Amino acid sequence: MKARACIKPNPTRKRKKRYDRDQYNHRNVIERFFCRIKPCHRVATRYEKKAANFAGFIWLAAGITAKIECP
């Protein structure tokens, strides 16, 4: 799995750096999601050792946060 950094460049920089705007927006959505589930300490600290269990808790936390936000 190859990961590349997708960080918006500083606007006051003299030489403008290019970045993928769509990828940056997708990354931002994911970061906001993880900030919403941070109160679930089991997910925030990666308490689970196996990836399948961790993914299960992420789905559970996502369902709980979606239920709380939607009336």
N, C-alpha and C. Protein backbone atom coordinates (compact mmCIF):
# COMPACT_ATOMS: atom_id res chain seq x y z
N MET A 1 0.85 -1.18 0.00
CA MET A 1 0.00 0.00 0.00
C MET A 1 0.89 1.24 0.00
N LYS A 2 0.76 2.03 -1.03
CA LYS A 2 1.56 3.25 -1.12
C LYS A 2 0.70 4.42 -0.66
N ALA A 3 1.23 5.18 0.25
CA ALA A 3 0.52 6.35 0.74
C ALA A 3 1.33 7.59 0.39
N ARG A 4 0.62 8.61 -0.05
CA ARG A 4 1.28 9.88 -0.36
C ARG A 4 0.63 10.96 0.48
N ALA A 5 1.43 11.89 0.92
CA ALA A 5 0.91 13.01 1.70
C ALA A 5 0.09 13.92 0.78
N CYS A 6 -1.03 14.37 1.29
CA CYS A 6 -1.87 15.29 0.52
C CYS A 6 -2.25 16.44 1.46
N ILE A 7 -1.35 17.37 1.58
CA ILE A 7 -1.53 18.48 2.49
C ILE A 7 -1.59 19.76 1.67
N LYS A 8 -2.56 20.59 2.00
CA LYS A 8 -2.71 21.85 1.28
C LYS A 8 -1.50 22.74 1.56
N PRO A 9 -0.89 23.30 0.52
CA PRO A 9 0.30 24.13 0.74
C PRO A 9 -0.04 25.48 1.37
N ASN A 10 0.95 26.07 1.97
CA ASN A 10 0.81 27.37 2.60
C ASN A 10 0.52 28.42 1.53
N PRO A 11 -0.57 29.19 1.66
CA PRO A 11 -0.92 30.17 0.61
C PRO A 11 0.05 31.34 0.51
N THR A 12 0.86 31.60 1.53
CA THR A 12 1.78 32.73 1.48
C THR A 12 3.14 32.34 0.91
N ARG A 13 3.27 31.14 0.45
CA ARG A 13 4.52 30.65 -0.11
C ARG A 13 4.80 31.33 -1.45
N LYS A 14 6.07 31.62 -1.73
CA LYS A 14 6.42 32.28 -2.99
C LYS A 14 6.24 31.35 -4.17
N ARG A 15 6.75 30.13 -4.06
CA ARG A 15 6.57 29.15 -5.13
C ARG A 15 5.39 28.26 -4.76
N LYS A 16 4.37 28.31 -5.57
CA LYS A 16 3.15 27.54 -5.28
C LYS A 16 3.39 26.06 -5.55
N LYS A 17 2.97 25.23 -4.61
CA LYS A 17 3.05 23.78 -4.79
C LYS A 17 1.71 23.27 -5.27
N ARG A 18 1.74 22.23 -6.11
CA ARG A 18 0.50 21.65 -6.60
C ARG A 18 0.04 20.57 -5.64
N TYR A 19 -1.27 20.39 -5.58
CA TYR A 19 -1.84 19.29 -4.79
C TYR A 19 -3.16 18.90 -5.42
N ASP A 20 -3.57 17.68 -5.17
CA ASP A 20 -4.82 17.16 -5.72
C ASP A 20 -5.97 17.60 -4.82
N ARG A 21 -6.79 18.50 -5.31
CA ARG A 21 -7.86 19.08 -4.51
C ARG A 21 -8.92 18.05 -4.09
N ASP A 22 -9.25 17.13 -5.00
CA ASP A 22 -10.24 16.08 -4.68
C ASP A 22 -9.71 15.15 -3.59
N GLN A 23 -8.45 14.77 -3.70
CA GLN A 23 -7.86 13.90 -2.69
C GLN A 23 -7.77 14.63 -1.34
N TYR A 24 -7.47 15.91 -1.36
CA TYR A 24 -7.41 16.69 -0.13
C TYR A 24 -8.79 16.76 0.53
N ASN A 25 -9.85 16.96 -0.25
CA ASN A 25 -11.19 17.02 0.31
C ASN A 25 -11.59 15.67 0.91
N HIS A 26 -11.23 14.58 0.25
CA HIS A 26 -11.54 13.25 0.77
C HIS A 26 -10.79 13.01 2.08
N ARG A 27 -9.54 13.41 2.14
CA ARG A 27 -8.74 13.26 3.35
C ARG A 27 -9.34 14.07 4.50
N ASN A 28 -9.84 15.25 4.19
CA ASN A 28 -10.45 16.10 5.20
C ASN A 28 -11.70 15.46 5.78
N VAL A 29 -12.51 14.83 4.94
CA VAL A 29 -13.72 14.15 5.42
C VAL A 29 -13.35 13.02 6.38
N ILE A 30 -12.31 12.27 6.03
CA ILE A 30 -11.88 11.16 6.88
C ILE A 30 -11.35 11.68 8.21
N GLU A 31 -10.58 12.75 8.19
CA GLU A 31 -10.06 13.32 9.45
C GLU A 31 -11.18 13.82 10.34
N ARG A 32 -12.19 14.46 9.75
CA ARG A 32 -13.33 14.94 10.56
C ARG A 32 -14.10 13.77 11.16
N PHE A 33 -14.21 12.67 10.42
CA PHE A 33 -14.88 11.48 10.94
C PHE A 33 -14.14 10.94 12.16
N PHE A 34 -12.82 10.83 12.07
CA PHE A 34 -12.06 10.31 13.20
C PHE A 34 -12.10 11.27 14.39
N CYS A 35 -12.21 12.56 14.16
CA CYS A 35 -12.36 13.50 15.27
C CYS A 35 -13.71 13.31 15.96
N ARG A 36 -14.74 12.94 15.19
CA ARG A 36 -16.05 12.70 15.79
C ARG A 36 -16.07 11.45 16.64
N ILE A 37 -15.30 10.43 16.27
CA ILE A 37 -15.34 9.19 17.03
C ILE A 37 -14.25 9.13 18.10
N LYS A 38 -13.46 10.18 18.28
CA LYS A 38 -12.42 10.20 19.30
C LYS A 38 -12.96 9.95 20.71
N PRO A 39 -14.17 10.41 21.07
CA PRO A 39 -14.66 10.10 22.42
C PRO A 39 -14.78 8.60 22.69
N CYS A 40 -14.86 7.78 21.67
CA CYS A 40 -14.85 6.33 21.85
C CYS A 40 -13.39 5.92 22.06
N HIS A 41 -12.97 5.86 23.31
CA HIS A 41 -11.56 5.67 23.62
C HIS A 41 -10.99 4.37 23.07
N ARG A 42 -11.83 3.38 22.94
CA ARG A 42 -11.37 2.09 22.41
C ARG A 42 -10.89 2.25 20.97
N VAL A 43 -11.55 3.11 20.23
CA VAL A 43 -11.16 3.35 18.84
C VAL A 43 -9.99 4.32 18.79
N ALA A 44 -10.03 5.36 19.61
CA ALA A 44 -9.01 6.40 19.57
C ALA A 44 -7.63 5.87 19.94
N THR A 45 -7.57 4.90 20.87
CA THR A 45 -6.28 4.38 21.31
C THR A 45 -5.87 3.11 20.60
N ARG A 46 -6.71 2.66 19.66
CA ARG A 46 -6.45 1.42 18.92
C ARG A 46 -6.22 0.28 19.90
N TYR A 47 -7.18 0.09 20.78
CA TYR A 47 -7.10 -0.94 21.81
C TYR A 47 -7.07 -2.33 21.20
N GLU A 48 -7.79 -2.53 20.12
CA GLU A 48 -7.87 -3.85 19.48
C GLU A 48 -6.59 -4.13 18.70
N LYS A 49 -6.11 -5.34 18.80
CA LYS A 49 -4.87 -5.72 18.12
C LYS A 49 -5.12 -6.17 16.68
N LYS A 50 -6.23 -6.83 16.44
CA LYS A 50 -6.50 -7.35 15.10
C LYS A 50 -7.24 -6.31 14.27
N ALA A 51 -6.88 -6.26 13.00
CA ALA A 51 -7.47 -5.26 12.10
C ALA A 51 -8.97 -5.45 11.94
N ALA A 52 -9.44 -6.69 11.93
CA ALA A 52 -10.87 -6.95 11.76
C ALA A 52 -11.66 -6.43 12.96
N ASN A 53 -11.14 -6.63 14.16
CA ASN A 53 -11.82 -6.13 15.36
C ASN A 53 -11.82 -4.60 15.39
N PHE A 54 -10.70 -4.01 15.00
CA PHE A 54 -10.61 -2.55 14.97
C PHE A 54 -11.61 -1.97 13.97
N ALA A 55 -11.69 -2.60 12.78
CA ALA A 55 -12.64 -2.14 11.77
C ALA A 55 -14.07 -2.27 12.27
N GLY A 56 -14.34 -3.32 13.02
CA GLY A 56 -15.68 -3.51 13.59
C GLY A 56 -16.04 -2.40 14.56
N PHE A 57 -15.10 -2.00 15.38
CA PHE A 57 -15.36 -0.91 16.32
C PHE A 57 -15.50 0.43 15.61
N ILE A 58 -14.78 0.60 14.52
CA ILE A 58 -14.94 1.83 13.74
C ILE A 58 -16.35 1.89 13.16
N TRP A 59 -16.84 0.76 12.62
CA TRP A 59 -18.22 0.71 12.09
C TRP A 59 -19.22 0.97 13.21
N LEU A 60 -19.00 0.40 14.37
CA LEU A 60 -19.90 0.60 15.50
C LEU A 60 -19.91 2.07 15.93
N ALA A 61 -18.74 2.67 16.04
CA ALA A 61 -18.65 4.09 16.42
C ALA A 61 -19.29 4.98 15.36
N ALA A 62 -19.12 4.62 14.09
CA ALA A 62 -19.73 5.40 13.01
C ALA A 62 -21.25 5.33 13.10
N GLY A 63 -21.76 4.15 13.38
CA GLY A 63 -23.21 4.01 13.52
C GLY A 63 -23.76 4.79 14.69
N ILE A 64 -23.03 4.78 15.80
CA ILE A 64 -23.48 5.52 16.99
C ILE A 64 -23.44 7.02 16.72
N THR A 65 -22.37 7.52 16.11
CA THR A 65 -22.28 8.96 15.85
C THR A 65 -23.32 9.39 14.83
N ALA A 66 -23.61 8.54 13.84
CA ALA A 66 -24.64 8.88 12.85
C ALA A 66 -26.02 8.92 13.51
N LYS A 67 -26.26 8.02 14.43
CA LYS A 67 -27.56 7.97 15.11
C LYS A 67 -27.74 9.19 16.02
N ILE A 68 -26.67 9.62 16.66
CA ILE A 68 -26.75 10.77 17.56
C ILE A 68 -26.98 12.05 16.77
N GLU A 69 -26.31 12.20 15.61
CA GLU A 69 -26.41 13.43 14.83
C GLU A 69 -27.74 13.56 14.11
N CYS A 70 -28.32 12.44 13.70
CA CYS A 70 -29.59 12.49 12.97
C CYS A 70 -30.75 12.44 13.96
N PRO A 71 -31.72 13.34 13.83
CA PRO A 71 -32.84 13.30 14.77
C PRO A 71 -33.79 12.15 14.51
